[in-house]
Amino acid sequence: MSTLNKSSIDLLSDIGLPQEKEEALFQKNCPHCYSEKVKIHSHYQTKGNGERKMFICQECSSCFAETYGSVIAGLETPLSEIVKVLKARMEGIGLNAAARVFGYAKTTILNWEKKLSGLQETLFLYALVNEFVKLVIEGDELYTKVGKNKEASGVHPG
């Protein structure tokens, strides 16, 4: 995921979006004083969810993470793994089976379902995009292998 490991702002910089437009796209309000005068302060690495941004409010000087107050705040398990478990649950796998197959406690899976139930369509789209990217990569590898096999099979031992 070389391109996907980059932050959203880095990706926009790569395509030549001016700095002021980048900042306008990612504006957040301060959760403490509700000011719109917020700037990106720093970046940090999470255990499994990649790079996240820290913001600082220019009015009250408070710092907060980009996920502050969102439904994914505090999740330590990578979102891609949670999506796999919830997708399996939506396809009809039972709670006990999901806990056994994926190795998570039943209460953890139930908490994810409760916490993320309002994001069903978004998570479904995330799963589709993740699966599409994986299929494109696998298809490219298959094409490369088949292409090499065809070239090699054209040579007959004499």
N, C-alpha and C. Protein backbone atom coordinates (compact mmCIF):
# COMPACT_ATOMS: atom_id res chain seq x y z
N MET A 1 0.83 -1.18 0.00
CA MET A 1 0.00 0.00 0.00
C MET A 1 0.88 1.25 0.00
N SER A 2 1.88 1.29 -0.85
CA SER A 2 2.85 2.38 -0.83
C SER A 2 2.18 3.74 -0.97
N THR A 3 1.29 3.90 -1.92
CA THR A 3 0.61 5.17 -2.09
C THR A 3 -0.40 5.38 -0.97
N LEU A 4 -1.03 4.29 -0.51
CA LEU A 4 -2.07 4.41 0.49
C LEU A 4 -1.51 4.67 1.88
N ASN A 5 -0.21 4.46 2.12
CA ASN A 5 0.39 4.76 3.41
C ASN A 5 0.58 6.26 3.60
N LYS A 6 0.57 7.01 2.53
CA LYS A 6 0.74 8.44 2.61
C LYS A 6 -0.50 9.07 3.24
N SER A 7 -0.30 10.21 3.88
CA SER A 7 -1.45 10.92 4.43
C SER A 7 -2.23 11.53 3.27
N SER A 8 -3.47 11.91 3.55
CA SER A 8 -4.32 12.51 2.52
C SER A 8 -3.70 13.78 1.98
N ILE A 9 -3.09 14.55 2.85
CA ILE A 9 -2.48 15.81 2.41
C ILE A 9 -1.28 15.53 1.52
N ASP A 10 -0.48 14.51 1.86
CA ASP A 10 0.66 14.16 1.01
C ASP A 10 0.19 13.75 -0.38
N LEU A 11 -0.90 12.99 -0.45
CA LEU A 11 -1.43 12.57 -1.75
C LEU A 11 -1.88 13.77 -2.57
N LEU A 12 -2.53 14.74 -1.90
CA LEU A 12 -2.97 15.93 -2.62
C LEU A 12 -1.78 16.77 -3.07
N SER A 13 -0.72 16.80 -2.27
CA SER A 13 0.49 17.53 -2.67
C SER A 13 1.09 16.91 -3.92
N ASP A 14 1.06 15.57 -3.98
CA ASP A 14 1.61 14.87 -5.14
C ASP A 14 0.89 15.24 -6.43
N ILE A 15 -0.41 15.54 -6.35
CA ILE A 15 -1.14 15.88 -7.57
C ILE A 15 -1.18 17.39 -7.81
N GLY A 16 -0.50 18.16 -6.95
CA GLY A 16 -0.34 19.58 -7.20
C GLY A 16 -1.44 20.47 -6.67
N LEU A 17 -2.16 20.06 -5.64
CA LEU A 17 -3.19 20.92 -5.04
C LEU A 17 -2.51 21.97 -4.17
N PRO A 18 -2.83 23.25 -4.35
CA PRO A 18 -2.20 24.30 -3.55
C PRO A 18 -2.45 24.10 -2.05
N GLN A 19 -1.51 24.56 -1.21
CA GLN A 19 -1.56 24.37 0.23
C GLN A 19 -2.86 24.90 0.85
N GLU A 20 -3.32 26.08 0.43
CA GLU A 20 -4.53 26.65 1.04
C GLU A 20 -5.77 25.81 0.74
N LYS A 21 -5.82 25.17 -0.44
CA LYS A 21 -6.94 24.30 -0.75
C LYS A 21 -6.87 23.00 0.05
N GLU A 22 -5.65 22.50 0.27
CA GLU A 22 -5.48 21.30 1.10
C GLU A 22 -6.03 21.56 2.49
N GLU A 23 -5.66 22.69 3.08
CA GLU A 23 -6.10 23.00 4.43
C GLU A 23 -7.61 23.18 4.49
N ALA A 24 -8.20 23.75 3.46
CA ALA A 24 -9.65 23.93 3.44
C ALA A 24 -10.38 22.59 3.42
N LEU A 25 -9.80 21.61 2.72
CA LEU A 25 -10.43 20.29 2.65
C LEU A 25 -10.42 19.57 3.99
N PHE A 26 -9.41 19.82 4.81
CA PHE A 26 -9.25 19.07 6.04
C PHE A 26 -9.50 19.91 7.29
N GLN A 27 -10.27 20.98 7.16
CA GLN A 27 -10.57 21.80 8.32
C GLN A 27 -11.42 21.03 9.31
N LYS A 28 -11.09 21.22 10.59
CA LYS A 28 -11.85 20.63 11.68
C LYS A 28 -12.14 21.74 12.67
N ASN A 29 -13.20 21.57 13.43
CA ASN A 29 -13.48 22.49 14.52
C ASN A 29 -12.90 21.93 15.80
N CYS A 30 -12.47 22.82 16.68
CA CYS A 30 -11.93 22.41 17.97
C CYS A 30 -13.07 21.81 18.80
N PRO A 31 -12.88 20.62 19.38
CA PRO A 31 -13.94 20.01 20.19
C PRO A 31 -14.12 20.69 21.55
N HIS A 32 -13.18 21.56 21.92
CA HIS A 32 -13.25 22.21 23.22
C HIS A 32 -13.91 23.59 23.15
N CYS A 33 -13.45 24.44 22.21
CA CYS A 33 -14.02 25.79 22.10
C CYS A 33 -14.81 25.98 20.80
N TYR A 34 -14.84 24.96 19.94
CA TYR A 34 -15.57 24.95 18.67
C TYR A 34 -15.06 25.97 17.65
N SER A 35 -13.85 26.45 17.85
CA SER A 35 -13.25 27.39 16.91
C SER A 35 -12.89 26.67 15.61
N GLU A 36 -12.92 27.41 14.51
CA GLU A 36 -12.50 26.86 13.22
C GLU A 36 -11.02 27.11 12.96
N LYS A 37 -10.36 27.83 13.85
CA LYS A 37 -8.94 28.15 13.68
C LYS A 37 -8.10 27.00 14.21
N VAL A 38 -8.02 25.94 13.40
CA VAL A 38 -7.33 24.72 13.77
C VAL A 38 -6.30 24.40 12.69
N LYS A 39 -5.11 24.02 13.10
CA LYS A 39 -4.04 23.65 12.17
C LYS A 39 -3.53 22.26 12.51
N ILE A 40 -2.94 21.60 11.52
CA ILE A 40 -2.30 20.31 11.78
C ILE A 40 -1.04 20.59 12.60
N HIS A 41 -0.93 19.90 13.72
CA HIS A 41 0.18 20.11 14.65
C HIS A 41 1.29 19.09 14.44
N SER A 42 0.92 17.82 14.31
CA SER A 42 1.91 16.76 14.13
C SER A 42 1.22 15.51 13.61
N HIS A 43 2.01 14.46 13.43
CA HIS A 43 1.50 13.16 13.00
C HIS A 43 1.99 12.11 13.99
N TYR A 44 1.24 11.03 14.11
CA TYR A 44 1.68 9.94 14.97
C TYR A 44 1.28 8.61 14.35
N GLN A 45 2.00 7.57 14.70
CA GLN A 45 1.73 6.22 14.21
C GLN A 45 0.86 5.47 15.21
N THR A 46 -0.15 4.79 14.73
CA THR A 46 -0.97 3.94 15.59
C THR A 46 -0.44 2.52 15.48
N LYS A 47 -0.93 1.66 16.35
CA LYS A 47 -0.47 0.26 16.34
C LYS A 47 -0.81 -0.42 15.02
N GLY A 48 -2.04 -0.24 14.55
CA GLY A 48 -2.43 -0.96 13.35
C GLY A 48 -3.21 -0.16 12.34
N ASN A 49 -3.46 1.11 12.61
CA ASN A 49 -4.29 1.91 11.71
C ASN A 49 -3.53 2.98 10.96
N GLY A 50 -2.21 2.84 10.87
CA GLY A 50 -1.43 3.78 10.07
C GLY A 50 -1.18 5.10 10.75
N GLU A 51 -0.93 6.10 9.94
CA GLU A 51 -0.60 7.43 10.44
C GLU A 51 -1.85 8.26 10.68
N ARG A 52 -1.86 8.98 11.78
CA ARG A 52 -2.97 9.88 12.11
C ARG A 52 -2.41 11.27 12.38
N LYS A 53 -3.28 12.27 12.30
CA LYS A 53 -2.87 13.65 12.51
C LYS A 53 -3.30 14.14 13.89
N MET A 54 -2.48 15.02 14.46
CA MET A 54 -2.84 15.75 15.67
C MET A 54 -3.09 17.18 15.23
N PHE A 55 -4.15 17.78 15.76
CA PHE A 55 -4.50 19.16 15.45
C PHE A 55 -4.27 20.02 16.69
N ILE A 56 -4.03 21.32 16.46
CA ILE A 56 -3.93 22.27 17.56
C ILE A 56 -4.85 23.44 17.26
N CYS A 57 -5.58 23.86 18.29
CA CYS A 57 -6.49 24.99 18.16
C CYS A 57 -5.69 26.27 18.42
N GLN A 58 -5.84 27.25 17.55
CA GLN A 58 -5.12 28.51 17.72
C GLN A 58 -5.82 29.44 18.70
N GLU A 59 -7.05 29.12 19.07
CA GLU A 59 -7.79 29.93 20.04
C GLU A 59 -7.48 29.50 21.47
N CYS A 60 -7.67 28.20 21.78
CA CYS A 60 -7.52 27.72 23.16
C CYS A 60 -6.26 26.88 23.36
N SER A 61 -5.47 26.67 22.31
CA SER A 61 -4.20 25.91 22.35
C SER A 61 -4.35 24.45 22.73
N SER A 62 -5.54 23.89 22.61
CA SER A 62 -5.70 22.47 22.93
C SER A 62 -5.35 21.62 21.71
N CYS A 63 -4.79 20.45 21.98
CA CYS A 63 -4.45 19.49 20.93
C CYS A 63 -5.45 18.35 20.95
N PHE A 64 -5.75 17.82 19.78
CA PHE A 64 -6.66 16.68 19.69
C PHE A 64 -6.35 15.89 18.44
N ALA A 65 -6.66 14.60 18.48
CA ALA A 65 -6.42 13.70 17.35
C ALA A 65 -7.53 13.84 16.33
N GLU A 66 -7.24 13.43 15.10
CA GLU A 66 -8.25 13.54 14.03
C GLU A 66 -9.45 12.64 14.28
N THR A 67 -9.29 11.60 15.08
CA THR A 67 -10.42 10.70 15.36
C THR A 67 -11.16 11.07 16.63
N TYR A 68 -10.75 12.14 17.30
CA TYR A 68 -11.38 12.54 18.56
C TYR A 68 -12.89 12.70 18.38
N GLY A 69 -13.64 12.03 19.21
CA GLY A 69 -15.10 12.13 19.16
C GLY A 69 -15.76 11.31 18.06
N SER A 70 -14.98 10.59 17.26
CA SER A 70 -15.58 9.78 16.20
C SER A 70 -15.81 8.36 16.71
N VAL A 71 -16.53 7.57 15.94
CA VAL A 71 -16.82 6.20 16.36
C VAL A 71 -15.59 5.30 16.32
N ILE A 72 -14.56 5.69 15.59
CA ILE A 72 -13.36 4.85 15.54
C ILE A 72 -12.30 5.31 16.54
N ALA A 73 -12.60 6.31 17.35
CA ALA A 73 -11.64 6.77 18.36
C ALA A 73 -11.38 5.65 19.36
N GLY A 74 -10.13 5.39 19.63
CA GLY A 74 -9.76 4.41 20.63
C GLY A 74 -9.68 2.97 20.15
N LEU A 75 -10.00 2.71 18.89
CA LEU A 75 -9.90 1.35 18.38
C LEU A 75 -8.43 0.99 18.15
N GLU A 76 -7.99 -0.11 18.75
CA GLU A 76 -6.60 -0.53 18.57
C GLU A 76 -6.45 -1.55 17.44
N THR A 77 -7.50 -2.30 17.19
CA THR A 77 -7.48 -3.29 16.11
C THR A 77 -7.56 -2.56 14.78
N PRO A 78 -6.75 -2.96 13.80
CA PRO A 78 -6.83 -2.32 12.49
C PRO A 78 -8.25 -2.36 11.93
N LEU A 79 -8.67 -1.26 11.34
CA LEU A 79 -10.02 -1.16 10.80
C LEU A 79 -10.28 -2.22 9.74
N SER A 80 -9.26 -2.57 8.96
CA SER A 80 -9.43 -3.59 7.93
C SER A 80 -9.79 -4.94 8.55
N GLU A 81 -9.22 -5.25 9.72
CA GLU A 81 -9.53 -6.50 10.41
C GLU A 81 -10.96 -6.48 10.97
N ILE A 82 -11.35 -5.34 11.52
CA ILE A 82 -12.71 -5.20 12.06
C ILE A 82 -13.72 -5.36 10.93
N VAL A 83 -13.42 -4.77 9.77
CA VAL A 83 -14.32 -4.88 8.62
C VAL A 83 -14.48 -6.33 8.20
N LYS A 84 -13.39 -7.11 8.19
CA LYS A 84 -13.47 -8.53 7.84
C LYS A 84 -14.43 -9.27 8.77
N VAL A 85 -14.28 -9.03 10.07
CA VAL A 85 -15.12 -9.71 11.06
C VAL A 85 -16.58 -9.30 10.88
N LEU A 86 -16.84 -8.00 10.76
CA LEU A 86 -18.22 -7.53 10.63
C LEU A 86 -18.84 -7.96 9.30
N LYS A 87 -18.03 -8.02 8.25
CA LYS A 87 -18.55 -8.49 6.96
C LYS A 87 -18.97 -9.95 7.06
N ALA A 88 -18.16 -10.76 7.75
CA ALA A 88 -18.51 -12.17 7.95
C ALA A 88 -19.79 -12.28 8.77
N ARG A 89 -19.93 -11.42 9.77
CA ARG A 89 -21.15 -11.44 10.59
C ARG A 89 -22.37 -11.04 9.75
N MET A 90 -22.21 -10.06 8.86
CA MET A 90 -23.33 -9.64 8.01
C MET A 90 -23.71 -10.72 7.01
N GLU A 91 -22.75 -11.56 6.64
CA GLU A 91 -23.02 -12.64 5.70
C GLU A 91 -23.62 -13.86 6.39
N GLY A 92 -23.81 -13.79 7.70
CA GLY A 92 -24.53 -14.85 8.39
C GLY A 92 -23.73 -15.73 9.32
N ILE A 93 -22.43 -15.50 9.48
CA ILE A 93 -21.66 -16.32 10.40
C ILE A 93 -22.09 -15.97 11.83
N GLY A 94 -22.21 -16.96 12.67
CA GLY A 94 -22.65 -16.75 14.05
C GLY A 94 -21.58 -16.09 14.90
N LEU A 95 -22.01 -15.58 16.05
CA LEU A 95 -21.09 -14.90 16.95
C LEU A 95 -20.01 -15.85 17.47
N ASN A 96 -20.41 -17.05 17.90
CA ASN A 96 -19.43 -18.02 18.40
C ASN A 96 -18.44 -18.41 17.31
N ALA A 97 -18.93 -18.62 16.10
CA ALA A 97 -18.05 -19.00 14.99
C ALA A 97 -17.09 -17.85 14.65
N ALA A 98 -17.59 -16.62 14.64
CA ALA A 98 -16.72 -15.47 14.35
C ALA A 98 -15.63 -15.33 15.41
N ALA A 99 -16.00 -15.52 16.66
CA ALA A 99 -15.01 -15.43 17.75
C ALA A 99 -13.95 -16.52 17.59
N ARG A 100 -14.37 -17.70 17.23
CA ARG A 100 -13.45 -18.83 17.08
C ARG A 100 -12.55 -18.64 15.85
N VAL A 101 -13.14 -18.27 14.72
CA VAL A 101 -12.39 -18.16 13.46
C VAL A 101 -11.41 -16.98 13.48
N PHE A 102 -11.86 -15.83 13.96
CA PHE A 102 -11.02 -14.63 13.91
C PHE A 102 -10.19 -14.43 15.18
N GLY A 103 -10.51 -15.15 16.25
CA GLY A 103 -9.70 -15.07 17.46
C GLY A 103 -9.97 -13.88 18.35
N TYR A 104 -11.16 -13.31 18.28
CA TYR A 104 -11.53 -12.19 19.14
C TYR A 104 -12.60 -12.64 20.12
N ALA A 105 -12.66 -11.98 21.27
CA ALA A 105 -13.68 -12.31 22.26
C ALA A 105 -15.05 -11.92 21.72
N LYS A 106 -16.07 -12.67 22.14
CA LYS A 106 -17.44 -12.37 21.70
C LYS A 106 -17.85 -10.96 22.10
N THR A 107 -17.46 -10.55 23.31
CA THR A 107 -17.83 -9.19 23.76
C THR A 107 -17.17 -8.12 22.89
N THR A 108 -15.95 -8.39 22.43
CA THR A 108 -15.26 -7.44 21.55
C THR A 108 -16.02 -7.29 20.24
N ILE A 109 -16.42 -8.41 19.65
CA ILE A 109 -17.17 -8.36 18.39
C ILE A 109 -18.51 -7.65 18.58
N LEU A 110 -19.19 -7.95 19.68
CA LEU A 110 -20.46 -7.27 19.96
C LEU A 110 -20.26 -5.77 20.15
N ASN A 111 -19.17 -5.38 20.82
CA ASN A 111 -18.88 -3.95 21.00
C ASN A 111 -18.61 -3.27 19.66
N TRP A 112 -17.88 -3.95 18.76
CA TRP A 112 -17.65 -3.39 17.44
C TRP A 112 -18.97 -3.21 16.70
N GLU A 113 -19.84 -4.22 16.78
CA GLU A 113 -21.13 -4.14 16.09
C GLU A 113 -21.95 -2.97 16.62
N LYS A 114 -21.96 -2.81 17.92
CA LYS A 114 -22.74 -1.73 18.54
C LYS A 114 -22.15 -0.38 18.16
N LYS A 115 -20.83 -0.27 18.23
CA LYS A 115 -20.15 1.00 17.98
C LYS A 115 -20.24 1.41 16.52
N LEU A 116 -20.16 0.45 15.60
CA LEU A 116 -20.07 0.76 14.18
C LEU A 116 -21.35 0.48 13.41
N SER A 117 -22.44 0.20 14.10
CA SER A 117 -23.68 -0.16 13.41
C SER A 117 -24.20 0.97 12.52
N GLY A 118 -23.96 2.21 12.87
CA GLY A 118 -24.42 3.33 12.06
C GLY A 118 -23.60 3.53 10.79
N LEU A 119 -22.48 2.85 10.68
CA LEU A 119 -21.59 3.01 9.52
C LEU A 119 -21.65 1.84 8.57
N GLN A 120 -22.75 1.12 8.56
CA GLN A 120 -22.84 -0.11 7.78
C GLN A 120 -22.51 0.10 6.30
N GLU A 121 -23.11 1.12 5.68
CA GLU A 121 -22.86 1.36 4.25
C GLU A 121 -21.40 1.75 4.01
N THR A 122 -20.86 2.60 4.87
CA THR A 122 -19.48 3.04 4.73
C THR A 122 -18.52 1.88 4.86
N LEU A 123 -18.74 1.02 5.86
CA LEU A 123 -17.87 -0.13 6.06
C LEU A 123 -17.98 -1.11 4.90
N PHE A 124 -19.18 -1.25 4.34
CA PHE A 124 -19.36 -2.12 3.19
C PHE A 124 -18.55 -1.60 2.00
N LEU A 125 -18.61 -0.29 1.76
CA LEU A 125 -17.83 0.31 0.67
C LEU A 125 -16.34 0.15 0.92
N TYR A 126 -15.92 0.34 2.18
CA TYR A 126 -14.51 0.16 2.54
C TYR A 126 -14.07 -1.26 2.22
N ALA A 127 -14.91 -2.23 2.56
CA ALA A 127 -14.58 -3.64 2.30
C ALA A 127 -14.49 -3.90 0.80
N LEU A 128 -15.42 -3.31 0.02
CA LEU A 128 -15.39 -3.50 -1.43
C LEU A 128 -14.12 -2.92 -2.03
N VAL A 129 -13.74 -1.72 -1.61
CA VAL A 129 -12.53 -1.09 -2.14
C VAL A 129 -11.31 -1.90 -1.76
N ASN A 130 -11.24 -2.33 -0.49
CA ASN A 130 -10.12 -3.15 -0.03
C ASN A 130 -10.01 -4.42 -0.86
N GLU A 131 -11.14 -5.08 -1.11
CA GLU A 131 -11.17 -6.32 -1.88
C GLU A 131 -10.77 -6.05 -3.33
N PHE A 132 -11.24 -4.92 -3.90
CA PHE A 132 -10.90 -4.57 -5.28
C PHE A 132 -9.40 -4.37 -5.43
N VAL A 133 -8.79 -3.63 -4.50
CA VAL A 133 -7.35 -3.39 -4.57
C VAL A 133 -6.60 -4.71 -4.48
N LYS A 134 -7.04 -5.60 -3.58
CA LYS A 134 -6.39 -6.90 -3.43
C LYS A 134 -6.53 -7.71 -4.72
N LEU A 135 -7.71 -7.68 -5.34
CA LEU A 135 -7.93 -8.43 -6.57
C LEU A 135 -7.09 -7.88 -7.72
N VAL A 136 -6.94 -6.56 -7.79
CA VAL A 136 -6.12 -5.96 -8.83
C VAL A 136 -4.68 -6.41 -8.67
N ILE A 137 -4.18 -6.42 -7.44
CA ILE A 137 -2.80 -6.84 -7.19
C ILE A 137 -2.65 -8.32 -7.53
N GLU A 138 -3.59 -9.16 -7.08
CA GLU A 138 -3.52 -10.59 -7.38
C GLU A 138 -3.63 -10.83 -8.88
N GLY A 139 -4.51 -10.09 -9.55
CA GLY A 139 -4.66 -10.23 -11.00
C GLY A 139 -3.40 -9.84 -11.73
N ASP A 140 -2.73 -8.79 -11.27
CA ASP A 140 -1.48 -8.36 -11.88
C ASP A 140 -0.41 -9.44 -11.70
N GLU A 141 -0.33 -10.04 -10.50
CA GLU A 141 0.64 -11.10 -10.27
C GLU A 141 0.34 -12.31 -11.14
N LEU A 142 -0.94 -12.66 -11.29
CA LEU A 142 -1.33 -13.79 -12.13
C LEU A 142 -0.96 -13.52 -13.58
N TYR A 143 -1.23 -12.31 -14.06
CA TYR A 143 -0.90 -11.93 -15.43
C TYR A 143 0.61 -12.05 -15.66
N THR A 144 1.39 -11.59 -14.70
CA THR A 144 2.85 -11.67 -14.83
C THR A 144 3.30 -13.12 -14.91
N LYS A 145 2.77 -13.98 -14.04
CA LYS A 145 3.16 -15.39 -14.04
C LYS A 145 2.72 -16.09 -15.31
N VAL A 146 1.49 -15.84 -15.74
CA VAL A 146 0.99 -16.48 -16.96
C VAL A 146 1.79 -15.99 -18.15
N GLY A 147 2.08 -14.70 -18.20
CA GLY A 147 2.87 -14.16 -19.29
C GLY A 147 4.24 -14.81 -19.37
N LYS A 148 4.87 -15.01 -18.22
CA LYS A 148 6.19 -15.66 -18.20
C LYS A 148 6.07 -17.11 -18.63
N ASN A 149 5.02 -17.78 -18.19
CA ASN A 149 4.83 -19.19 -18.57
C ASN A 149 4.63 -19.32 -20.07
N LYS A 150 3.89 -18.40 -20.68
CA LYS A 150 3.67 -18.47 -22.12
C LYS A 150 4.97 -18.31 -22.88
N GLU A 151 5.80 -17.38 -22.45
CA GLU A 151 7.08 -17.18 -23.13
C GLU A 151 7.96 -18.42 -22.99
N ALA A 152 7.97 -19.02 -21.81
CA ALA A 152 8.81 -20.19 -21.59
C ALA A 152 8.28 -21.39 -22.36
N SER A 153 6.94 -21.52 -22.50
CA SER A 153 6.39 -22.68 -23.19
C SER A 153 6.60 -22.60 -24.71
N GLY A 154 6.93 -21.44 -25.23
CA GLY A 154 7.17 -21.29 -26.66
C GLY A 154 8.51 -21.87 -27.08
N VAL A 155 9.40 -22.11 -26.13
CA VAL A 155 10.71 -22.68 -26.42
C VAL A 155 10.61 -24.19 -26.28
N HIS A 156 10.87 -24.92 -27.37
CA HIS A 156 10.79 -26.38 -27.34
C HIS A 156 12.19 -26.96 -27.20
N PRO A 157 12.36 -27.90 -26.26
CA PRO A 157 13.68 -28.52 -26.12
C PRO A 157 14.00 -29.35 -27.37
N GLY A 158 15.19 -29.32 -27.82
CA GLY A 158 15.53 -29.95 -29.07
C GLY A 158 16.35 -31.11 -28.92
